[in-house]
Amino acid sequence: MPIASHFSRQLCLSSLVLAAAVGPATTAIAQTAFLEITAGQTDGWNTPAFDIEVFPGNTLRITSFRFELGSSSFNFDEVYEEFESFIGGNGNETATLIEGDREQNEARTTAFEYEFDGFDLDERFTTEADVDRTSGDSIEDAREIFFNNGSAPNAIATVGFSNGRSASLVLPDGLFGQSRYFYIVAVPGPSSATLVAIGGLVLTRRRR
């Protein structure tokens, strides 16, 4: 059973944002990924957790995931290897961190990026990262950095699919104080050159 069917979703904010269309118009969105951001296990919203999964009914795998901060005042100090995992897989999946650092107080980056192999349609990948000020270690709330951060740009999530296409979503401002934030990133099928990203759905998800 697809992982997404394990959850019921209660809509808290139904603001849809349509981003970047290039090339001919398309009549249907073919491939869709879910992104959920929650407080992490290490230090709450200072180390947010990211869950990415394919929408049930898709035919393409996810091949990459990149998350980039919009504000230059902050960065990722560490991407925690111990919290990387695939849920619902067969053990043949791999996630390779190609941007970002795994050591505390070493290299700092404004983005982290993974490449995936064997990330099948019925699986979910989760990871966790530490957010600090560029000036040094600090305790931050990612909900005031990824979005709701005044004049600074919001963060950008980019998902790559196995047809060679990708879609990027600038996270819209959301309700502060939510326990989780849920977004949809979608790209049309190979017959169209149009890239579409849909976001701004902030939902709570509870297990049945």
C-alpha atoms as a PDB file:
ATOM      1  CA  MET A   1       0.000   0.000   0.000  1.00  0.00           C
ATOM      2  CA  PRO A   2       1.447   3.450  -0.851  1.00  0.00           C
ATOM      3  CA  ILE A   3       2.725   5.300   2.188  1.00  0.00           C
ATOM      4  CA  ALA A   4       0.554   8.346   1.533  1.00  0.00           C
ATOM      5  CA  SER A   5      -2.553   6.216   2.029  1.00  0.00           C
ATOM      6  CA  HIS A   6      -1.450   5.531   5.611  1.00  0.00           C
ATOM      7  CA  PHE A   7      -2.345   9.080   6.569  1.00  0.00           C
ATOM      8  CA  SER A   8      -5.456  11.163   6.651  1.00  0.00           C
ATOM      9  CA  ARG A   9      -4.861  14.829   5.861  1.00  0.00           C
ATOM     10  CA  GLN A  10      -6.690  17.686   7.524  1.00  0.00           C
ATOM     11  CA  LEU A  11      -6.502  20.953   5.587  1.00  0.00           C
ATOM     12  CA  CYS A  12      -5.427  23.950   7.662  1.00  0.00           C
ATOM     13  CA  LEU A  13      -4.520  26.429   4.919  1.00  0.00           C
ATOM     14  CA  SER A  14      -5.612  25.979   1.311  1.00  0.00           C
ATOM     15  CA  SER A  15      -3.496  28.550  -0.487  1.00  0.00           C
ATOM     16  CA  LEU A  16      -2.223  27.279  -3.836  1.00  0.00           C
ATOM     17  CA  VAL A  17       0.776  28.895  -5.468  1.00  0.00           C
ATOM     18  CA  LEU A  18       1.511  28.153  -9.136  1.00  0.00           C
ATOM     19  CA  ALA A  19       5.134  28.769 -10.098  1.00  0.00           C
ATOM     20  CA  ALA A  20       7.173  29.067 -13.301  1.00  0.00           C
ATOM     21  CA  ALA A  21       5.701  27.865 -16.545  1.00  0.00           C
ATOM     22  CA  VAL A  22       8.007  27.501 -19.532  1.00  0.00           C
ATOM     23  CA  GLY A  23       7.004  26.255 -22.975  1.00  0.00           C
ATOM     24  CA  PRO A  24       3.601  25.006 -24.110  1.00  0.00           C
ATOM     25  CA  ALA A  25       0.681  24.755 -21.728  1.00  0.00           C
ATOM     26  CA  THR A  26      -0.261  21.410 -20.256  1.00  0.00           C
ATOM     27  CA  THR A  27      -3.663  20.097 -19.286  1.00  0.00           C
ATOM     28  CA  ALA A  28      -2.671  17.738 -16.483  1.00  0.00           C
ATOM     29  CA  ILE A  29       0.002  17.414 -13.837  1.00  0.00           C
ATOM     30  CA  ALA A  30       1.590  14.004 -14.348  1.00  0.00           C
ATOM     31  CA  GLN A  31       4.131  13.551 -11.562  1.00  0.00           C
ATOM     32  CA  THR A  32       3.800  14.856  -8.027  1.00  0.00           C
ATOM     33  CA  ALA A  33       5.977  14.693  -4.908  1.00  0.00           C
ATOM     34  CA  PHE A  34       4.958  15.405  -1.333  1.00  0.00           C
ATOM     35  CA  LEU A  35       7.291  17.373   0.941  1.00  0.00           C
ATOM     36  CA  GLU A  36       6.612  17.509   4.652  1.00  0.00           C
ATOM     37  CA  ILE A  37       8.671  19.613   7.084  1.00  0.00           C
ATOM     38  CA  THR A  38       8.411  18.992  10.823  1.00  0.00           C
ATOM     39  CA  ALA A  39      10.374  19.576  14.026  1.00  0.00           C
ATOM     40  CA  GLY A  40      13.400  17.263  14.134  1.00  0.00           C
ATOM     41  CA  GLN A  41      14.304  14.698  16.750  1.00  0.00           C
ATOM     42  CA  THR A  42      17.632  16.322  17.616  1.00  0.00           C
ATOM     43  CA  ASP A  43      16.572  19.829  18.612  1.00  0.00           C
ATOM     44  CA  GLY A  44      13.045  20.563  17.429  1.00  0.00           C
ATOM     45  CA  TRP A  45      12.687  23.329  14.843  1.00  0.00           C
ATOM     46  CA  ASN A  46      16.392  24.145  15.111  1.00  0.00           C
ATOM     47  CA  THR A  47      17.010  20.815  13.356  1.00  0.00           C
ATOM     48  CA  PRO A  48      13.970  20.394  11.093  1.00  0.00           C
ATOM     49  CA  ALA A  49      13.095  17.046   9.514  1.00  0.00           C
ATOM     50  CA  PHE A  50      12.287  16.663   5.808  1.00  0.00           C
ATOM     51  CA  ASP A  51      10.109  13.870   4.412  1.00  0.00           C
ATOM     52  CA  ILE A  52       9.811  13.408   0.651  1.00  0.00           C
ATOM     53  CA  GLU A  53       7.607  10.856  -1.108  1.00  0.00           C
ATOM     54  CA  VAL A  54       5.968  10.247  -4.473  1.00  0.00           C
ATOM     55  CA  PHE A  55       2.252  10.782  -4.895  1.00  0.00           C
ATOM     56  CA  PRO A  56       0.391   7.451  -5.378  1.00  0.00           C
ATOM     57  CA  GLY A  57      -0.318   6.767  -9.050  1.00  0.00           C
ATOM     58  CA  ASN A  58       2.916   8.323 -10.344  1.00  0.00           C
ATOM     59  CA  THR A  59       5.071   6.395 -12.793  1.00  0.00           C
ATOM     60  CA  LEU A  60       8.411   8.140 -12.209  1.00  0.00           C
ATOM     61  CA  ARG A  61      10.921   7.801  -9.415  1.00  0.00           C
ATOM     62  CA  ILE A  62      12.419  10.691  -7.483  1.00  0.00           C
ATOM     63  CA  THR A  63      16.096  10.967  -8.385  1.00  0.00           C
ATOM     64  CA  SER A  64      17.163  14.048  -6.430  1.00  0.00           C
ATOM     65  CA  PHE A  65      16.093  16.488  -3.727  1.00  0.00           C
ATOM     66  CA  ARG A  66      17.627  19.889  -3.014  1.00  0.00           C
ATOM     67  CA  PHE A  67      16.669  22.407  -0.327  1.00  0.00           C
ATOM     68  CA  GLU A  68      18.167  25.899  -0.452  1.00  0.00           C
ATOM     69  CA  LEU A  69      17.823  28.729   2.053  1.00  0.00           C
ATOM     70  CA  GLY A  70      16.761  32.081   0.662  1.00  0.00           C
ATOM     71  CA  SER A  71      18.428  34.176   3.337  1.00  0.00           C
ATOM     72  CA  SER A  72      22.221  34.503   3.328  1.00  0.00           C
ATOM     73  CA  SER A  73      22.117  35.164   7.090  1.00  0.00           C
ATOM     74  CA  PHE A  74      21.610  31.446   7.786  1.00  0.00           C
ATOM     75  CA  ASN A  75      23.065  28.137   6.699  1.00  0.00           C
ATOM     76  CA  PHE A  76      23.020  24.396   7.335  1.00  0.00           C
ATOM     77  CA  ASP A  77      25.752  23.401   9.769  1.00  0.00           C
ATOM     78  CA  GLU A  78      25.148  19.639   9.612  1.00  0.00           C
ATOM     79  CA  VAL A  79      22.987  17.139   7.734  1.00  0.00           C
ATOM     80  CA  TYR A  80      22.500  14.232  10.130  1.00  0.00           C
ATOM     81  CA  GLU A  81      23.421  10.882   8.631  1.00  0.00           C
ATOM     82  CA  GLU A  82      21.870   8.992  11.554  1.00  0.00           C
ATOM     83  CA  PHE A  83      18.406  10.291  10.634  1.00  0.00           C
ATOM     84  CA  GLU A  84      18.578   9.419   6.950  1.00  0.00           C
ATOM     85  CA  SER A  85      16.285   6.525   6.116  1.00  0.00           C
ATOM     86  CA  PHE A  86      13.940   5.083   3.552  1.00  0.00           C
ATOM     87  CA  ILE A  87      10.560   3.928   4.820  1.00  0.00           C
ATOM     88  CA  GLY A  88       8.685   1.226   2.982  1.00  0.00           C
ATOM     89  CA  GLY A  89      11.646   0.147   0.864  1.00  0.00           C
ATOM     90  CA  ASN A  90      13.334  -3.173   0.200  1.00  0.00           C
ATOM     91  CA  GLY A  91      16.796  -2.155   1.389  1.00  0.00           C
ATOM     92  CA  ASN A  92      18.227  -1.534  -2.068  1.00  0.00           C
ATOM     93  CA  GLU A  93      17.747   2.250  -1.979  1.00  0.00           C
ATOM     94  CA  THR A  94      20.650   4.665  -1.660  1.00  0.00           C
ATOM     95  CA  ALA A  95      20.805   8.366  -0.819  1.00  0.00           C
ATOM     96  CA  THR A  96      24.045  10.211  -1.599  1.00  0.00           C
ATOM     97  CA  LEU A  97      24.596  13.638  -0.062  1.00  0.00           C
ATOM     98  CA  ILE A  98      26.267  15.655  -2.828  1.00  0.00           C
ATOM     99  CA  GLU A  99      25.996  19.079  -1.157  1.00  0.00           C
ATOM    100  CA  GLY A 100      26.060  19.732   2.558  1.00  0.00           C
ATOM    101  CA  ASP A 101      28.280  18.640   5.444  1.00  0.00           C
ATOM    102  CA  ARG A 102      27.911  15.828   7.972  1.00  0.00           C
ATOM    103  CA  GLU A 103      30.143  17.326  10.677  1.00  0.00           C
ATOM    104  CA  GLN A 104      29.114  19.889  13.261  1.00  0.00           C
ATOM    105  CA  ASN A 105      31.034  23.189  13.063  1.00  0.00           C
ATOM    106  CA  GLU A 106      32.852  22.250   9.872  1.00  0.00           C
ATOM    107  CA  ALA A 107      31.789  23.353   6.370  1.00  0.00           C
ATOM    108  CA  ARG A 108      28.554  25.346   6.278  1.00  0.00           C
ATOM    109  CA  THR A 109      26.318  25.518   3.225  1.00  0.00           C
ATOM    110  CA  THR A 110      23.171  27.429   2.280  1.00  0.00           C
ATOM    111  CA  ALA A 111      21.733  24.262   0.692  1.00  0.00           C
ATOM    112  CA  PHE A 112      21.828  20.491   0.925  1.00  0.00           C
ATOM    113  CA  GLU A 113      21.173  18.089  -1.926  1.00  0.00           C
ATOM    114  CA  TYR A 114      20.720  14.346  -2.334  1.00  0.00           C
ATOM    115  CA  GLU A 115      20.869  12.041  -5.309  1.00  0.00           C
ATOM    116  CA  PHE A 116      18.826   8.845  -5.041  1.00  0.00           C
ATOM    117  CA  ASP A 117      19.020   5.396  -6.556  1.00  0.00           C
ATOM    118  CA  GLY A 118      16.189   2.893  -6.226  1.00  0.00           C
ATOM    119  CA  PHE A 119      13.773   5.403  -4.644  1.00  0.00           C
ATOM    120  CA  ASP A 120      10.611   3.564  -5.659  1.00  0.00           C
ATOM    121  CA  LEU A 121       7.042   4.810  -5.862  1.00  0.00           C
ATOM    122  CA  ASP A 122       5.892   3.241  -2.605  1.00  0.00           C
ATOM    123  CA  GLU A 123       8.681   4.663  -0.464  1.00  0.00           C
ATOM    124  CA  ARG A 124       9.467   7.735   1.598  1.00  0.00           C
ATOM    125  CA  PHE A 125      12.837   9.302   2.443  1.00  0.00           C
ATOM    126  CA  THR A 126      13.497  11.300   5.592  1.00  0.00           C
ATOM    127  CA  THR A 127      16.442  13.402   6.760  1.00  0.00           C
ATOM    128  CA  GLU A 128      17.247  16.099   9.299  1.00  0.00           C
ATOM    129  CA  ALA A 129      19.494  19.189   9.210  1.00  0.00           C
ATOM    130  CA  ASP A 130      20.809  21.773  11.661  1.00  0.00           C
ATOM    131  CA  VAL A 131      20.040  25.443  10.890  1.00  0.00           C
ATOM    132  CA  ASP A 132      22.430  28.082  12.266  1.00  0.00           C
ATOM    133  CA  ARG A 133      23.281  31.709  11.717  1.00  0.00           C
ATOM    134  CA  THR A 134      26.129  32.307   9.296  1.00  0.00           C
ATOM    135  CA  SER A 135      28.039  33.994  12.117  1.00  0.00           C
ATOM    136  CA  GLY A 136      28.146  30.785  14.194  1.00  0.00           C
ATOM    137  CA  ASP A 137      26.200  28.272  16.259  1.00  0.00           C
ATOM    138  CA  SER A 138      22.749  29.417  17.288  1.00  0.00           C
ATOM    139  CA  ILE A 139      19.334  28.105  18.247  1.00  0.00           C
ATOM    140  CA  GLU A 140      16.855  29.012  15.514  1.00  0.00           C
ATOM    141  CA  ASP A 141      13.281  28.287  14.519  1.00  0.00           C
ATOM    142  CA  ALA A 142      13.203  27.093  10.906  1.00  0.00           C
ATOM    143  CA  ARG A 143       9.639  28.398  10.573  1.00  0.00           C
ATOM    144  CA  GLU A 144      11.094  31.922  10.657  1.00  0.00           C
ATOM    145  CA  ILE A 145      13.885  31.116   8.174  1.00  0.00           C
ATOM    146  CA  PHE A 146      12.318  28.908   5.514  1.00  0.00           C
ATOM    147  CA  PHE A 147       9.394  31.356   5.254  1.00  0.00           C
ATOM    148  CA  ASN A 148       7.771  34.144   7.313  1.00  0.00           C
ATOM    149  CA  ASN A 149      11.192  35.840   7.370  1.00  0.00           C
ATOM    150  CA  GLY A 150      10.336  39.409   6.457  1.00  0.00           C
ATOM    151  CA  SER A 151      12.081  40.856   3.436  1.00  0.00           C
ATOM    152  CA  ALA A 152      14.484  37.933   2.998  1.00  0.00           C
ATOM    153  CA  PRO A 153      13.642  35.421   0.231  1.00  0.00           C
ATOM    154  CA  ASN A 154      11.943  32.181   1.233  1.00  0.00           C
ATOM    155  CA  ALA A 155      13.594  28.789   0.870  1.00  0.00           C
ATOM    156  CA  ILE A 156      13.422  26.763  -2.365  1.00  0.00           C
ATOM    157  CA  ALA A 157      12.740  23.022  -2.665  1.00  0.00           C
ATOM    158  CA  THR A 158      13.679  21.247  -5.908  1.00  0.00           C
ATOM    159  CA  VAL A 159      12.713  17.676  -6.811  1.00  0.00           C
ATOM    160  CA  GLY A 160      14.193  15.751  -9.751  1.00  0.00           C
ATOM    161  CA  PHE A 161      12.315  12.922 -11.477  1.00  0.00           C
ATOM    162  CA  SER A 162      13.543   9.928 -13.469  1.00  0.00           C
ATOM    163  CA  ASN A 163      12.401  11.443 -16.783  1.00  0.00           C
ATOM    164  CA  GLY A 164      15.149  14.034 -16.427  1.00  0.00           C
ATOM    165  CA  ARG A 165      12.799  16.843 -15.441  1.00  0.00           C
ATOM    166  CA  SER A 166      12.670  18.764 -12.187  1.00  0.00           C
ATOM    167  CA  ALA A 167      10.412  21.272 -10.473  1.00  0.00           C
ATOM    168  CA  SER A 168      11.253  23.965  -7.928  1.00  0.00           C
ATOM    169  CA  LEU A 169       8.980  25.487  -5.333  1.00  0.00           C
ATOM    170  CA  VAL A 170       9.568  28.690  -3.385  1.00  0.00           C
ATOM    171  CA  LEU A 171       7.988  27.944  -0.036  1.00  0.00           C
ATOM    172  CA  PRO A 172       5.109  30.356   0.565  1.00  0.00           C
ATOM    173  CA  ASP A 173       4.559  32.045   3.898  1.00  0.00           C
ATOM    174  CA  GLY A 174       2.491  29.899   6.225  1.00  0.00           C
ATOM    175  CA  LEU A 175       0.780  29.947   9.583  1.00  0.00           C
ATOM    176  CA  PHE A 176       3.388  30.204  12.328  1.00  0.00           C
ATOM    177  CA  GLY A 177       3.266  27.656  15.112  1.00  0.00           C
ATOM    178  CA  GLN A 178       2.066  24.669  13.077  1.00  0.00           C
ATOM    179  CA  SER A 179       3.554  21.292  13.976  1.00  0.00           C
ATOM    180  CA  ARG A 180       4.101  20.345  10.333  1.00  0.00           C
ATOM    181  CA  TYR A 181       4.033  21.922   6.908  1.00  0.00           C
ATOM    182  CA  PHE A 182       3.039  20.037   3.814  1.00  0.00           C
ATOM    183  CA  TYR A 183       3.791  20.989   0.202  1.00  0.00           C
ATOM    184  CA  ILE A 184       3.205  19.614  -3.281  1.00  0.00           C
ATOM    185  CA  VAL A 185       5.939  19.804  -5.926  1.00  0.00           C
ATOM    186  CA  ALA A 186       4.851  18.670  -9.378  1.00  0.00           C
ATOM    187  CA  VAL A 187       6.193  18.433 -12.917  1.00  0.00           C
ATOM    188  CA  PRO A 188       4.174  17.520 -16.034  1.00  0.00           C
ATOM    189  CA  GLY A 189       4.948  14.440 -18.097  1.00  0.00           C
ATOM    190  CA  PRO A 190       7.575  14.212 -20.839  1.00  0.00           C
ATOM    191  CA  SER A 191       5.211  15.408 -23.583  1.00  0.00           C
ATOM    192  CA  SER A 192       5.354  18.981 -22.275  1.00  0.00           C
ATOM    193  CA  ALA A 193       8.210  21.367 -21.577  1.00  0.00           C
ATOM    194  CA  THR A 194       6.202  23.105 -18.885  1.00  0.00           C
ATOM    195  CA  LEU A 195       7.454  22.977 -15.319  1.00  0.00           C
ATOM    196  CA  VAL A 196       4.887  23.508 -12.613  1.00  0.00           C
ATOM    197  CA  ALA A 197       5.277  23.738  -8.853  1.00  0.00           C
ATOM    198  CA  ILE A 198       2.311  23.829  -6.531  1.00  0.00           C
ATOM    199  CA  GLY A 199       2.730  24.709  -2.895  1.00  0.00           C
ATOM    200  CA  GLY A 200       1.310  26.428   0.118  1.00  0.00           C
ATOM    201  CA  LEU A 201      -0.783  23.561   1.344  1.00  0.00           C
ATOM    202  CA  VAL A 202      -0.193  23.454   5.057  1.00  0.00           C
ATOM    203  CA  LEU A 203      -1.779  20.359   6.473  1.00  0.00           C
ATOM    204  CA  THR A 204      -1.607  18.320   9.600  1.00  0.00           C
ATOM    205  CA  ARG A 205      -1.250  14.612   9.054  1.00  0.00           C
ATOM    206  CA  ARG A 206      -2.375  12.102  11.600  1.00  0.00           C
ATOM    207  CA  ARG A 207      -2.120   8.353  11.500  1.00  0.00           C
ATOM    208  CA  ARG A 208      -5.396   6.476  11.235  1.00  0.00           C
END
